[in-house]
Amino acid sequence: MAKCILSGRIAIMVVLAVICSGIPAVPAAVYTVGESSGWAMGGDYGSWASDKTFAVGDTLVFNYAPGHTVDEVSANDYKSCTTGNSLSSDSSGATSITLKSAGSHYFICGVPGHCSGGMKLAVTVAAGASTGGSTGASPSGTTTSPSTPTPTTTTSPATPTGITTPTAGTLNQPSSSAALSPAVAAFFTFFGVVFVLMK
Protein backbone atom coordinates (compact mmCIF):
# COMPACT_ATOMS: atom_id res chain seq x y z
CA MET A 1 0.00 0.00 0.00
CA ALA A 2 2.80 2.43 0.91
CA LYS A 3 4.56 1.62 -2.39
CA CYS A 4 1.40 2.50 -4.36
CA ILE A 5 1.03 5.84 -2.59
CA LEU A 6 4.71 6.65 -3.19
CA SER A 7 4.47 5.61 -6.86
CA GLY A 8 1.38 7.81 -7.30
CA ARG A 9 3.18 10.77 -5.75
CA ILE A 10 6.18 10.29 -8.05
CA ALA A 11 3.88 10.04 -11.08
CA ILE A 12 2.16 13.30 -10.09
CA MET A 13 5.53 15.02 -9.65
CA VAL A 14 6.67 13.85 -13.09
CA VAL A 15 3.44 15.10 -14.70
CA LEU A 16 3.76 18.46 -12.96
CA ALA A 17 7.41 18.76 -14.03
CA VAL A 18 6.42 18.12 -17.65
CA ILE A 19 3.63 20.71 -17.45
CA CYS A 20 5.96 23.31 -15.90
CA SER A 21 8.61 22.72 -18.55
CA GLY A 22 6.04 23.47 -21.25
CA ILE A 23 5.37 27.00 -20.01
CA PRO A 24 6.37 29.32 -22.83
CA ALA A 25 9.25 31.68 -22.24
CA VAL A 26 8.91 35.41 -22.72
CA PRO A 27 9.37 35.93 -26.46
CA ALA A 28 12.42 37.85 -27.57
CA ALA A 29 11.90 41.10 -29.44
CA VAL A 30 12.81 41.58 -33.09
CA TYR A 31 13.92 45.08 -34.07
CA THR A 32 14.20 46.24 -37.67
CA VAL A 33 17.09 48.70 -37.60
CA GLY A 34 16.00 52.05 -39.02
CA GLU A 35 12.40 50.82 -39.42
CA SER A 36 11.25 51.35 -43.04
CA SER A 37 14.38 53.36 -43.95
CA GLY A 38 16.57 50.36 -43.22
CA TRP A 39 20.37 50.40 -42.92
CA ALA A 40 21.46 53.25 -45.19
CA MET A 41 23.65 56.35 -45.47
CA GLY A 42 22.39 59.38 -43.56
CA GLY A 43 20.46 57.39 -40.95
CA ASP A 44 20.30 58.53 -37.34
CA TYR A 45 20.61 55.18 -35.61
CA GLY A 46 21.46 56.71 -32.24
CA SER A 47 18.02 58.33 -32.15
CA TRP A 48 16.40 55.16 -33.46
CA ALA A 49 17.88 53.09 -30.60
CA SER A 50 17.40 55.69 -27.85
CA ASP A 51 13.84 54.70 -26.91
CA LYS A 52 14.35 50.94 -27.10
CA THR A 53 15.31 48.44 -24.44
CA PHE A 54 17.41 45.59 -25.79
CA ALA A 55 17.84 42.29 -23.94
CA VAL A 56 19.76 39.07 -24.41
CA GLY A 57 17.90 36.98 -27.00
CA ASP A 58 16.52 39.95 -28.96
CA THR A 59 17.29 40.14 -32.67
CA LEU A 60 18.42 43.09 -34.77
CA VAL A 61 17.39 42.90 -38.43
CA PHE A 62 19.40 45.04 -40.86
CA ASN A 63 17.80 45.49 -44.30
CA TYR A 64 19.97 47.22 -46.89
CA ALA A 65 20.79 47.59 -50.56
CA PRO A 66 23.85 46.01 -52.21
CA GLY A 67 27.08 47.88 -51.54
CA HIS A 68 26.75 47.90 -47.74
CA THR A 69 27.79 45.59 -44.91
CA VAL A 70 26.93 45.03 -41.30
CA ASP A 71 30.10 44.61 -39.25
CA GLU A 72 30.14 44.08 -35.50
CA VAL A 73 33.19 45.91 -34.17
CA SER A 74 34.94 46.90 -30.94
CA ALA A 75 34.12 50.13 -29.10
CA ASN A 76 37.34 51.75 -30.35
CA ASP A 77 36.70 50.78 -33.97
CA TYR A 78 33.14 52.07 -33.63
CA LYS A 79 34.31 55.46 -32.31
CA SER A 80 36.98 55.87 -34.99
CA CYS A 81 35.00 54.16 -37.81
CA THR A 82 37.92 51.79 -38.33
CA THR A 83 37.19 48.96 -40.77
CA GLY A 84 39.08 45.71 -41.27
CA ASN A 85 39.01 44.46 -37.66
CA SER A 86 35.38 43.33 -37.48
CA LEU A 87 34.22 40.64 -35.07
CA SER A 88 31.69 39.54 -37.70
CA SER A 89 30.63 40.85 -41.10
CA ASP A 90 27.77 40.25 -43.52
CA SER A 91 26.81 41.77 -46.86
CA SER A 92 23.73 39.69 -47.74
CA GLY A 93 21.27 42.61 -47.70
CA ALA A 94 19.23 41.11 -44.86
CA THR A 95 21.36 40.51 -41.78
CA SER A 96 19.80 39.17 -38.57
CA ILE A 97 21.91 39.35 -35.43
CA THR A 98 20.72 37.75 -32.21
CA LEU A 99 22.07 39.60 -29.19
CA LYS A 100 23.67 36.78 -27.20
CA SER A 101 25.40 38.65 -24.38
CA ALA A 102 24.71 41.60 -22.11
CA GLY A 103 26.72 44.78 -22.52
CA SER A 104 27.43 47.14 -25.39
CA HIS A 105 27.43 45.97 -29.00
CA TYR A 106 28.69 48.09 -31.90
CA PHE A 107 27.80 47.86 -35.59
CA ILE A 108 29.09 49.79 -38.60
CA CYS A 109 29.00 49.55 -42.37
CA GLY A 110 32.46 48.35 -43.39
CA VAL A 111 32.48 50.20 -46.71
CA PRO A 112 34.97 53.11 -46.45
CA GLY A 113 33.19 56.39 -45.68
CA HIS A 114 29.83 54.84 -44.82
CA CYS A 115 30.37 54.69 -41.04
CA SER A 116 31.37 58.35 -40.96
CA GLY A 117 28.28 59.00 -43.13
CA GLY A 118 26.02 57.74 -40.33
CA MET A 119 25.93 53.96 -40.81
CA LYS A 120 26.80 53.08 -37.22
CA LEU A 121 24.73 51.71 -34.37
CA ALA A 122 25.55 51.13 -30.70
CA VAL A 123 23.15 49.18 -28.49
CA THR A 124 23.30 48.36 -24.80
CA VAL A 125 21.92 44.91 -24.04
CA ALA A 126 20.40 44.09 -20.65
CA ALA A 127 20.70 40.61 -19.17
CA GLY A 128 16.97 40.20 -18.41
CA ALA A 129 13.94 39.60 -20.56
CA SER A 130 13.02 42.18 -23.14
CA THR A 131 10.32 44.72 -22.40
CA GLY A 132 10.81 46.61 -25.62
CA GLY A 133 8.69 46.67 -28.72
CA SER A 134 8.78 43.15 -30.04
CA THR A 135 7.63 42.56 -33.55
CA GLY A 136 6.90 39.56 -35.64
CA ALA A 137 7.21 38.58 -39.23
CA SER A 138 4.40 39.60 -41.53
CA PRO A 139 2.69 36.94 -43.66
CA SER A 140 5.00 37.77 -46.57
CA GLY A 141 7.98 36.84 -44.41
CA THR A 142 9.40 40.34 -44.12
CA THR A 143 10.13 41.67 -40.68
CA THR A 144 8.17 44.71 -39.65
CA SER A 145 8.51 46.94 -36.65
CA PRO A 146 5.50 49.06 -35.72
CA SER A 147 6.03 51.96 -33.40
CA THR A 148 5.83 50.99 -29.76
CA PRO A 149 3.26 52.82 -27.64
CA THR A 150 4.79 54.72 -24.76
CA PRO A 151 3.53 53.61 -21.37
CA THR A 152 2.05 56.39 -19.29
CA THR A 153 1.41 56.62 -15.58
CA THR A 154 -1.61 58.58 -14.43
CA THR A 155 -2.70 58.96 -10.85
CA SER A 156 -5.97 60.33 -9.56
CA PRO A 157 -7.42 60.69 -6.06
CA ALA A 158 -9.12 57.29 -6.47
CA THR A 159 -5.94 55.60 -7.73
CA PRO A 160 -3.29 54.64 -5.17
CA THR A 161 0.20 55.96 -5.89
CA GLY A 162 2.30 53.61 -8.01
CA ILE A 163 -0.62 52.06 -9.89
CA THR A 164 -0.28 52.42 -13.65
CA THR A 165 -3.51 53.43 -15.33
CA PRO A 166 -3.72 53.33 -19.13
CA THR A 167 -5.08 56.34 -20.93
CA ALA A 168 -6.81 56.24 -24.30
CA GLY A 169 -4.50 55.06 -27.05
CA THR A 170 -1.75 53.76 -24.77
CA LEU A 171 -0.58 50.30 -23.91
CA ASN A 172 1.05 49.47 -20.61
CA GLN A 173 3.97 47.15 -21.12
CA PRO A 174 4.77 44.66 -18.39
CA SER A 175 8.04 44.90 -16.55
CA SER A 176 10.46 42.03 -16.99
CA SER A 177 9.50 40.70 -13.54
CA ALA A 178 5.81 40.75 -14.47
CA ALA A 179 6.57 38.98 -17.75
CA LEU A 180 8.13 36.11 -15.83
CA SER A 181 5.27 35.72 -13.36
CA PRO A 182 3.56 32.74 -15.12
CA ALA A 183 6.76 30.73 -14.89
CA VAL A 184 7.34 31.78 -11.28
CA ALA A 185 3.73 30.96 -10.39
CA ALA A 186 4.03 27.53 -12.01
CA PHE A 187 7.29 26.92 -10.15
CA PHE A 188 5.73 27.68 -6.76
CA THR A 189 2.56 25.74 -7.61
CA PHE A 190 4.63 22.71 -8.56
CA PHE A 191 6.65 22.73 -5.35
CA GLY A 192 3.57 23.52 -3.26
CA VAL A 193 1.86 20.40 -4.61
CA VAL A 194 5.02 18.35 -4.07
CA PHE A 195 5.24 19.63 -0.47
CA VAL A 196 1.60 18.68 0.21
CA LEU A 197 2.06 15.24 -1.35
CA MET A 198 5.16 14.52 0.70
CA LYS A 199 3.40 15.12 4.02
C-alpha atoms as a PDB file:
ATOM      1  CA  MET A   1       0.000   0.000   0.000  1.00  0.00           C
ATOM      2  CA  ALA A   2       2.804   2.434   0.908  1.00  0.00           C
ATOM      3  CA  LYS A   3       4.558   1.615  -2.393  1.00  0.00           C
ATOM      4  CA  CYS A   4       1.397   2.501  -4.365  1.00  0.00           C
ATOM      5  CA  ILE A   5       1.032   5.840  -2.594  1.00  0.00           C
ATOM      6  CA  LEU A   6       4.712   6.649  -3.190  1.00  0.00           C
ATOM      7  CA  SER A   7       4.466   5.613  -6.865  1.00  0.00           C
ATOM      8  CA  GLY A   8       1.384   7.811  -7.299  1.00  0.00           C
ATOM      9  CA  ARG A   9       3.180  10.773  -5.749  1.00  0.00           C
ATOM     10  CA  ILE A  10       6.177  10.285  -8.045  1.00  0.00           C
ATOM     11  CA  ALA A  11       3.880  10.044 -11.076  1.00  0.00           C
ATOM     12  CA  ILE A  12       2.158  13.297 -10.094  1.00  0.00           C
ATOM     13  CA  MET A  13       5.531  15.022  -9.645  1.00  0.00           C
ATOM     14  CA  VAL A  14       6.668  13.850 -13.094  1.00  0.00           C
ATOM     15  CA  VAL A  15       3.439  15.096 -14.702  1.00  0.00           C
ATOM     16  CA  LEU A  16       3.758  18.464 -12.961  1.00  0.00           C
ATOM     17  CA  ALA A  17       7.407  18.757 -14.030  1.00  0.00           C
ATOM     18  CA  VAL A  18       6.423  18.117 -17.655  1.00  0.00           C
ATOM     19  CA  ILE A  19       3.630  20.708 -17.445  1.00  0.00           C
ATOM     20  CA  CYS A  20       5.961  23.313 -15.902  1.00  0.00           C
ATOM     21  CA  SER A  21       8.612  22.715 -18.549  1.00  0.00           C
ATOM     22  CA  GLY A  22       6.043  23.468 -21.252  1.00  0.00           C
ATOM     23  CA  ILE A  23       5.367  27.002 -20.010  1.00  0.00           C
ATOM     24  CA  PRO A  24       6.372  29.315 -22.834  1.00  0.00           C
ATOM     25  CA  ALA A  25       9.254  31.679 -22.245  1.00  0.00           C
ATOM     26  CA  VAL A  26       8.912  35.410 -22.719  1.00  0.00           C
ATOM     27  CA  PRO A  27       9.370  35.928 -26.459  1.00  0.00           C
ATOM     28  CA  ALA A  28      12.419  37.849 -27.569  1.00  0.00           C
ATOM     29  CA  ALA A  29      11.896  41.098 -29.444  1.00  0.00           C
ATOM     30  CA  VAL A  30      12.806  41.582 -33.094  1.00  0.00           C
ATOM     31  CA  TYR A  31      13.918  45.084 -34.066  1.00  0.00           C
ATOM     32  CA  THR A  32      14.198  46.240 -37.669  1.00  0.00           C
ATOM     33  CA  VAL A  33      17.093  48.701 -37.603  1.00  0.00           C
ATOM     34  CA  GLY A  34      15.996  52.049 -39.017  1.00  0.00           C
ATOM     35  CA  GLU A  35      12.402  50.815 -39.422  1.00  0.00           C
ATOM     36  CA  SER A  36      11.249  51.349 -43.040  1.00  0.00           C
ATOM     37  CA  SER A  37      14.378  53.357 -43.952  1.00  0.00           C
ATOM     38  CA  GLY A  38      16.574  50.356 -43.222  1.00  0.00           C
ATOM     39  CA  TRP A  39      20.366  50.402 -42.920  1.00  0.00           C
ATOM     40  CA  ALA A  40      21.464  53.252 -45.195  1.00  0.00           C
ATOM     41  CA  MET A  41      23.650  56.346 -45.469  1.00  0.00           C
ATOM     42  CA  GLY A  42      22.388  59.382 -43.560  1.00  0.00           C
ATOM     43  CA  GLY A  43      20.462  57.390 -40.949  1.00  0.00           C
ATOM     44  CA  ASP A  44      20.295  58.527 -37.336  1.00  0.00           C
ATOM     45  CA  TYR A  45      20.615  55.178 -35.612  1.00  0.00           C
ATOM     46  CA  GLY A  46      21.456  56.710 -32.241  1.00  0.00           C
ATOM     47  CA  SER A  47      18.018  58.329 -32.148  1.00  0.00           C
ATOM     48  CA  TRP A  48      16.400  55.159 -33.457  1.00  0.00           C
ATOM     49  CA  ALA A  49      17.883  53.086 -30.604  1.00  0.00           C
ATOM     50  CA  SER A  50      17.403  55.686 -27.855  1.00  0.00           C
ATOM     51  CA  ASP A  51      13.837  54.697 -26.914  1.00  0.00           C
ATOM     52  CA  LYS A  52      14.348  50.944 -27.103  1.00  0.00           C
ATOM     53  CA  THR A  53      15.312  48.442 -24.438  1.00  0.00           C
ATOM     54  CA  PHE A  54      17.412  45.587 -25.791  1.00  0.00           C
ATOM     55  CA  ALA A  55      17.838  42.285 -23.941  1.00  0.00           C
ATOM     56  CA  VAL A  56      19.757  39.070 -24.415  1.00  0.00           C
ATOM     57  CA  GLY A  57      17.896  36.979 -26.998  1.00  0.00           C
ATOM     58  CA  ASP A  58      16.523  39.952 -28.958  1.00  0.00           C
ATOM     59  CA  THR A  59      17.292  40.137 -32.673  1.00  0.00           C
ATOM     60  CA  LEU A  60      18.421  43.094 -34.768  1.00  0.00           C
ATOM     61  CA  VAL A  61      17.393  42.898 -38.429  1.00  0.00           C
ATOM     62  CA  PHE A  62      19.398  45.040 -40.861  1.00  0.00           C
ATOM     63  CA  ASN A  63      17.796  45.491 -44.299  1.00  0.00           C
ATOM     64  CA  TYR A  64      19.973  47.221 -46.887  1.00  0.00           C
ATOM     65  CA  ALA A  65      20.794  47.592 -50.560  1.00  0.00           C
ATOM     66  CA  PRO A  66      23.846  46.009 -52.211  1.00  0.00           C
ATOM     67  CA  GLY A  67      27.082  47.879 -51.540  1.00  0.00           C
ATOM     68  CA  HIS A  68      26.754  47.899 -47.740  1.00  0.00           C
ATOM     69  CA  THR A  69      27.792  45.589 -44.911  1.00  0.00           C
ATOM     70  CA  VAL A  70      26.926  45.028 -41.297  1.00  0.00           C
ATOM     71  CA  ASP A  71      30.102  44.614 -39.247  1.00  0.00           C
ATOM     72  CA  GLU A  72      30.142  44.080 -35.498  1.00  0.00           C
ATOM     73  CA  VAL A  73      33.192  45.908 -34.167  1.00  0.00           C
ATOM     74  CA  SER A  74      34.938  46.895 -30.936  1.00  0.00           C
ATOM     75  CA  ALA A  75      34.122  50.126 -29.101  1.00  0.00           C
ATOM     76  CA  ASN A  76      37.341  51.752 -30.349  1.00  0.00           C
ATOM     77  CA  ASP A  77      36.704  50.781 -33.973  1.00  0.00           C
ATOM     78  CA  TYR A  78      33.140  52.073 -33.632  1.00  0.00           C
ATOM     79  CA  LYS A  79      34.307  55.457 -32.309  1.00  0.00           C
ATOM     80  CA  SER A  80      36.976  55.866 -34.993  1.00  0.00           C
ATOM     81  CA  CYS A  81      34.999  54.155 -37.809  1.00  0.00           C
ATOM     82  CA  THR A  82      37.918  51.791 -38.334  1.00  0.00           C
ATOM     83  CA  THR A  83      37.192  48.959 -40.767  1.00  0.00           C
ATOM     84  CA  GLY A  84      39.077  45.713 -41.272  1.00  0.00           C
ATOM     85  CA  ASN A  85      39.014  44.456 -37.662  1.00  0.00           C
ATOM     86  CA  SER A  86      35.376  43.325 -37.482  1.00  0.00           C
ATOM     87  CA  LEU A  87      34.221  40.636 -35.072  1.00  0.00           C
ATOM     88  CA  SER A  88      31.695  39.539 -37.704  1.00  0.00           C
ATOM     89  CA  SER A  89      30.628  40.845 -41.102  1.00  0.00           C
ATOM     90  CA  ASP A  90      27.765  40.247 -43.523  1.00  0.00           C
ATOM     91  CA  SER A  91      26.808  41.773 -46.862  1.00  0.00           C
ATOM     92  CA  SER A  92      23.732  39.691 -47.739  1.00  0.00           C
ATOM     93  CA  GLY A  93      21.275  42.609 -47.704  1.00  0.00           C
ATOM     94  CA  ALA A  94      19.232  41.107 -44.860  1.00  0.00           C
ATOM     95  CA  THR A  95      21.360  40.510 -41.782  1.00  0.00           C
ATOM     96  CA  SER A  96      19.796  39.166 -38.572  1.00  0.00           C
ATOM     97  CA  ILE A  97      21.912  39.346 -35.434  1.00  0.00           C
ATOM     98  CA  THR A  98      20.722  37.749 -32.208  1.00  0.00           C
ATOM     99  CA  LEU A  99      22.070  39.599 -29.187  1.00  0.00           C
ATOM    100  CA  LYS A 100      23.674  36.784 -27.198  1.00  0.00           C
ATOM    101  CA  SER A 101      25.401  38.652 -24.376  1.00  0.00           C
ATOM    102  CA  ALA A 102      24.712  41.598 -22.108  1.00  0.00           C
ATOM    103  CA  GLY A 103      26.718  44.782 -22.518  1.00  0.00           C
ATOM    104  CA  SER A 104      27.434  47.141 -25.391  1.00  0.00           C
ATOM    105  CA  HIS A 105      27.433  45.973 -29.003  1.00  0.00           C
ATOM    106  CA  TYR A 106      28.688  48.092 -31.901  1.00  0.00           C
ATOM    107  CA  PHE A 107      27.796  47.860 -35.589  1.00  0.00           C
ATOM    108  CA  ILE A 108      29.088  49.793 -38.602  1.00  0.00           C
ATOM    109  CA  CYS A 109      29.003  49.551 -42.373  1.00  0.00           C
ATOM    110  CA  GLY A 110      32.464  48.345 -43.391  1.00  0.00           C
ATOM    111  CA  VAL A 111      32.479  50.202 -46.711  1.00  0.00           C
ATOM    112  CA  PRO A 112      34.965  53.111 -46.449  1.00  0.00           C
ATOM    113  CA  GLY A 113      33.190  56.391 -45.679  1.00  0.00           C
ATOM    114  CA  HIS A 114      29.827  54.839 -44.821  1.00  0.00           C
ATOM    115  CA  CYS A 115      30.374  54.690 -41.044  1.00  0.00           C
ATOM    116  CA  SER A 116      31.366  58.354 -40.958  1.00  0.00           C
ATOM    117  CA  GLY A 117      28.279  58.998 -43.127  1.00  0.00           C
ATOM    118  CA  GLY A 118      26.017  57.736 -40.332  1.00  0.00           C
ATOM    119  CA  MET A 119      25.932  53.961 -40.809  1.00  0.00           C
ATOM    120  CA  LYS A 120      26.802  53.078 -37.217  1.00  0.00           C
ATOM    121  CA  LEU A 121      24.729  51.713 -34.371  1.00  0.00           C
ATOM    122  CA  ALA A 122      25.546  51.133 -30.701  1.00  0.00           C
ATOM    123  CA  VAL A 123      23.148  49.183 -28.488  1.00  0.00           C
ATOM    124  CA  THR A 124      23.300  48.356 -24.797  1.00  0.00           C
ATOM    125  CA  VAL A 125      21.924  44.915 -24.043  1.00  0.00           C
ATOM    126  CA  ALA A 126      20.396  44.091 -20.652  1.00  0.00           C
ATOM    127  CA  ALA A 127      20.704  40.614 -19.169  1.00  0.00           C
ATOM    128  CA  GLY A 128      16.969  40.203 -18.411  1.00  0.00           C
ATOM    129  CA  ALA A 129      13.938  39.600 -20.556  1.00  0.00           C
ATOM    130  CA  SER A 130      13.020  42.179 -23.142  1.00  0.00           C
ATOM    131  CA  THR A 131      10.320  44.718 -22.398  1.00  0.00           C
ATOM    132  CA  GLY A 132      10.811  46.613 -25.620  1.00  0.00           C
ATOM    133  CA  GLY A 133       8.695  46.672 -28.725  1.00  0.00           C
ATOM    134  CA  SER A 134       8.781  43.151 -30.043  1.00  0.00           C
ATOM    135  CA  THR A 135       7.627  42.564 -33.549  1.00  0.00           C
ATOM    136  CA  GLY A 136       6.903  39.562 -35.641  1.00  0.00           C
ATOM    137  CA  ALA A 137       7.212  38.582 -39.232  1.00  0.00           C
ATOM    138  CA  SER A 138       4.398  39.603 -41.530  1.00  0.00           C
ATOM    139  CA  PRO A 139       2.692  36.937 -43.660  1.00  0.00           C
ATOM    140  CA  SER A 140       4.999  37.768 -46.575  1.00  0.00           C
ATOM    141  CA  GLY A 141       7.981  36.838 -44.409  1.00  0.00           C
ATOM    142  CA  THR A 142       9.401  40.335 -44.119  1.00  0.00           C
ATOM    143  CA  THR A 143      10.125  41.667 -40.675  1.00  0.00           C
ATOM    144  CA  THR A 144       8.168  44.706 -39.652  1.00  0.00           C
ATOM    145  CA  SER A 145       8.506  46.938 -36.650  1.00  0.00           C
ATOM    146  CA  PRO A 146       5.500  49.062 -35.718  1.00  0.00           C
ATOM    147  CA  SER A 147       6.030  51.955 -33.403  1.00  0.00           C
ATOM    148  CA  THR A 148       5.835  50.987 -29.758  1.00  0.00           C
ATOM    149  CA  PRO A 149       3.265  52.817 -27.639  1.00  0.00           C
ATOM    150  CA  THR A 150       4.791  54.717 -24.762  1.00  0.00           C
ATOM    151  CA  PRO A 151       3.534  53.610 -21.366  1.00  0.00           C
ATOM    152  CA  THR A 152       2.047  56.395 -19.286  1.00  0.00           C
ATOM    153  CA  THR A 153       1.406  56.621 -15.585  1.00  0.00           C
ATOM    154  CA  THR A 154      -1.607  58.581 -14.435  1.00  0.00           C
ATOM    155  CA  THR A 155      -2.704  58.958 -10.855  1.00  0.00           C
ATOM    156  CA  SER A 156      -5.972  60.326  -9.558  1.00  0.00           C
ATOM    157  CA  PRO A 157      -7.422  60.689  -6.057  1.00  0.00           C
ATOM    158  CA  ALA A 158      -9.125  57.290  -6.466  1.00  0.00           C
ATOM    159  CA  THR A 159      -5.936  55.599  -7.728  1.00  0.00           C
ATOM    160  CA  PRO A 160      -3.286  54.639  -5.167  1.00  0.00           C
ATOM    161  CA  THR A 161       0.196  55.960  -5.891  1.00  0.00           C
ATOM    162  CA  GLY A 162       2.301  53.607  -8.006  1.00  0.00           C
ATOM    163  CA  ILE A 163      -0.621  52.060  -9.894  1.00  0.00           C
ATOM    164  CA  THR A 164      -0.284  52.422 -13.645  1.00  0.00           C
ATOM    165  CA  THR A 165      -3.507  53.435 -15.325  1.00  0.00           C
ATOM    166  CA  PRO A 166      -3.720  53.334 -19.130  1.00  0.00           C
ATOM    167  CA  THR A 167      -5.085  56.335 -20.931  1.00  0.00           C
ATOM    168  CA  ALA A 168      -6.809  56.241 -24.298  1.00  0.00           C
ATOM    169  CA  GLY A 169      -4.496  55.063 -27.052  1.00  0.00           C
ATOM    170  CA  THR A 170      -1.748  53.758 -24.772  1.00  0.00           C
ATOM    171  CA  LEU A 171      -0.580  50.301 -23.907  1.00  0.00           C
ATOM    172  CA  ASN A 172       1.047  49.471 -20.613  1.00  0.00           C
ATOM    173  CA  GLN A 173       3.975  47.152 -21.117  1.00  0.00           C
ATOM    174  CA  PRO A 174       4.772  44.659 -18.387  1.00  0.00           C
ATOM    175  CA  SER A 175       8.040  44.905 -16.554  1.00  0.00           C
ATOM    176  CA  SER A 176      10.456  42.026 -16.989  1.00  0.00           C
ATOM    177  CA  SER A 177       9.497  40.705 -13.541  1.00  0.00           C
ATOM    178  CA  ALA A 178       5.808  40.746 -14.470  1.00  0.00           C
ATOM    179  CA  ALA A 179       6.566  38.976 -17.750  1.00  0.00           C
ATOM    180  CA  LEU A 180       8.134  36.109 -15.831  1.00  0.00           C
ATOM    181  CA  SER A 181       5.267  35.718 -13.363  1.00  0.00           C
ATOM    182  CA  PRO A 182       3.560  32.742 -15.119  1.00  0.00           C
ATOM    183  CA  ALA A 183       6.757  30.732 -14.892  1.00  0.00           C
ATOM    184  CA  VAL A 184       7.335  31.780 -11.277  1.00  0.00           C
ATOM    185  CA  ALA A 185       3.728  30.959 -10.391  1.00  0.00           C
ATOM    186  CA  ALA A 186       4.030  27.532 -12.008  1.00  0.00           C
ATOM    187  CA  PHE A 187       7.288  26.916 -10.145  1.00  0.00           C
ATOM    188  CA  PHE A 188       5.730  27.680  -6.764  1.00  0.00           C
ATOM    189  CA  THR A 189       2.564  25.737  -7.614  1.00  0.00           C
ATOM    190  CA  PHE A 190       4.630  22.707  -8.561  1.00  0.00           C
ATOM    191  CA  PHE A 191       6.647  22.733  -5.353  1.00  0.00           C
ATOM    192  CA  GLY A 192       3.575  23.521  -3.259  1.00  0.00           C
ATOM    193  CA  VAL A 193       1.865  20.404  -4.614  1.00  0.00           C
ATOM    194  CA  VAL A 194       5.024  18.354  -4.071  1.00  0.00           C
ATOM    195  CA  PHE A 195       5.240  19.627  -0.473  1.00  0.00           C
ATOM    196  CA  VAL A 196       1.598  18.684   0.210  1.00  0.00           C
ATOM    197  CA  LEU A 197       2.058  15.238  -1.352  1.00  0.00           C
ATOM    198  CA  MET A 198       5.158  14.516   0.698  1.00  0.00           C
ATOM    199  CA  LYS A 199       3.398  15.124   4.017  1.00  0.00           C
END
